[in-house]
Every structure is written in C-alpha cells, then in structure tokens.
C-alpha cells in the first residue's frame, strides 16, 4: 500500500467509527496478505 492509500483507508475506517487499534490490525492483515500473494 502506498502512503496515500493508507491515509484514505484510515479516513474511511475512522468515519465508520473504528478504533486506532482495530485499524492497525486491519492494516497488518492487508500487508501480510499482500506479501503472501506476491511470493506465490
């Protein structure tokens, strides 16, 4: 994810009422999933 994509994601999740902790969990999951996909 680019920095701009991360910011857009944060803004959308905050608007939905997500906590910073939950947002961090989501980003970690997305980054981990992308890495696994790229190495296949």
N, C-alpha and C. Protein backbone atom coordinates (compact mmCIF):
# COMPACT_ATOMS: atom_id res chain seq x y z
N UNK A 1 0.85 -1.18 0.00
CA UNK A 1 0.00 0.00 0.00
C UNK A 1 0.89 1.24 0.00
N UNK A 2 0.45 2.22 -0.75
CA UNK A 2 1.17 3.49 -0.74
C UNK A 2 0.72 4.30 0.47
N UNK A 3 1.47 5.32 0.77
CA UNK A 3 1.11 6.20 1.89
C UNK A 3 -0.27 6.81 1.69
N UNK A 4 -0.56 7.20 0.47
CA UNK A 4 -1.86 7.81 0.17
C UNK A 4 -2.99 6.81 0.40
N UNK A 5 -2.77 5.54 0.00
CA UNK A 5 -3.78 4.51 0.21
C UNK A 5 -4.02 4.26 1.69
N UNK A 6 -2.95 4.29 2.48
CA UNK A 6 -3.09 4.10 3.92
C UNK A 6 -3.91 5.23 4.53
N UNK A 7 -3.63 6.47 4.14
CA UNK A 7 -4.37 7.62 4.65
C UNK A 7 -5.85 7.52 4.28
N UNK A 8 -6.13 7.16 3.04
CA UNK A 8 -7.53 7.02 2.60
C UNK A 8 -8.24 5.93 3.40
N UNK A 9 -7.55 4.83 3.62
CA UNK A 9 -8.12 3.74 4.42
C UNK A 9 -8.40 4.20 5.84
N UNK A 10 -7.45 4.89 6.45
CA UNK A 10 -7.63 5.40 7.82
C UNK A 10 -8.85 6.31 7.90
N UNK A 11 -8.99 7.20 6.95
CA UNK A 11 -10.11 8.14 6.96
C UNK A 11 -11.45 7.41 6.85
N UNK A 12 -11.52 6.41 5.98
CA UNK A 12 -12.76 5.66 5.81
C UNK A 12 -13.10 4.88 7.07
N UNK A 13 -12.10 4.23 7.66
CA UNK A 13 -12.34 3.43 8.86
C UNK A 13 -12.70 4.30 10.05
N UNK A 14 -12.05 5.45 10.18
CA UNK A 14 -12.40 6.38 11.26
C UNK A 14 -13.83 6.87 11.10
N UNK A 15 -14.24 7.12 9.86
CA UNK A 15 -15.61 7.58 9.60
C UNK A 15 -16.63 6.51 9.99
N UNK A 16 -16.21 5.24 9.92
CA UNK A 16 -17.09 4.13 10.32
C UNK A 16 -17.05 3.89 11.83
N UNK A 17 -16.20 4.64 12.52
CA UNK A 17 -16.14 4.51 13.97
C UNK A 17 -15.15 3.47 14.47
N UNK A 18 -14.23 3.05 13.61
CA UNK A 18 -13.22 2.05 14.01
C UNK A 18 -12.20 2.71 14.94
N UNK A 19 -11.68 1.93 15.89
CA UNK A 19 -10.64 2.44 16.79
C UNK A 19 -9.28 2.34 16.12
N UNK A 20 -8.32 3.08 16.64
CA UNK A 20 -6.95 3.04 16.09
C UNK A 20 -6.39 1.63 16.17
N UNK A 21 -6.69 0.92 17.25
CA UNK A 21 -6.20 -0.45 17.42
C UNK A 21 -6.76 -1.37 16.33
N UNK A 22 -8.04 -1.25 16.05
CA UNK A 22 -8.67 -2.08 15.03
C UNK A 22 -8.12 -1.74 13.65
N UNK A 23 -7.90 -0.46 13.39
CA UNK A 23 -7.34 -0.03 12.12
C UNK A 23 -5.95 -0.64 11.93
N UNK A 24 -5.15 -0.64 12.98
CA UNK A 24 -3.81 -1.23 12.92
C UNK A 24 -3.89 -2.71 12.60
N UNK A 25 -4.82 -3.42 13.22
CA UNK A 25 -5.00 -4.85 12.95
C UNK A 25 -5.35 -5.08 11.48
N UNK A 26 -6.22 -4.25 10.94
CA UNK A 26 -6.64 -4.39 9.55
C UNK A 26 -5.46 -4.15 8.61
N UNK A 27 -4.68 -3.11 8.87
CA UNK A 27 -3.53 -2.80 8.02
C UNK A 27 -2.51 -3.94 8.08
N UNK A 28 -2.25 -4.47 9.27
CA UNK A 28 -1.31 -5.59 9.39
C UNK A 28 -1.80 -6.78 8.58
N UNK A 29 -3.09 -7.05 8.65
CA UNK A 29 -3.65 -8.17 7.89
C UNK A 29 -3.48 -7.95 6.39
N UNK A 30 -3.80 -6.75 5.93
CA UNK A 30 -3.72 -6.44 4.50
C UNK A 30 -2.27 -6.57 4.02
N UNK A 31 -1.34 -6.02 4.76
CA UNK A 31 0.06 -6.08 4.36
C UNK A 31 0.58 -7.51 4.36
N UNK A 32 0.17 -8.30 5.32
CA UNK A 32 0.58 -9.70 5.39
C UNK A 32 -0.01 -10.48 4.21
N UNK A 33 -1.26 -10.26 3.91
CA UNK A 33 -1.93 -10.95 2.81
C UNK A 33 -1.30 -10.59 1.47
N UNK A 34 -0.95 -9.32 1.27
CA UNK A 34 -0.32 -8.89 0.03
C UNK A 34 1.04 -9.55 -0.12
N UNK A 35 1.80 -9.65 0.95
CA UNK A 35 3.12 -10.26 0.89
C UNK A 35 3.02 -11.72 0.52
N UNK A 36 2.08 -12.44 1.11
CA UNK A 36 1.90 -13.85 0.80
C UNK A 36 1.49 -14.04 -0.66
N UNK A 37 0.65 -13.18 -1.16
CA UNK A 37 0.19 -13.26 -2.55
C UNK A 37 1.34 -13.03 -3.51
N UNK A 38 2.20 -12.06 -3.21
CA UNK A 38 3.29 -11.71 -4.10
C UNK A 38 4.35 -12.81 -4.17
N UNK A 39 4.51 -13.60 -3.12
CA UNK A 39 5.57 -14.59 -3.11
C UNK A 39 5.16 -15.91 -3.74
N UNK A 40 3.89 -16.06 -4.12
CA UNK A 40 3.43 -17.32 -4.73
C UNK A 40 3.82 -17.43 -6.16
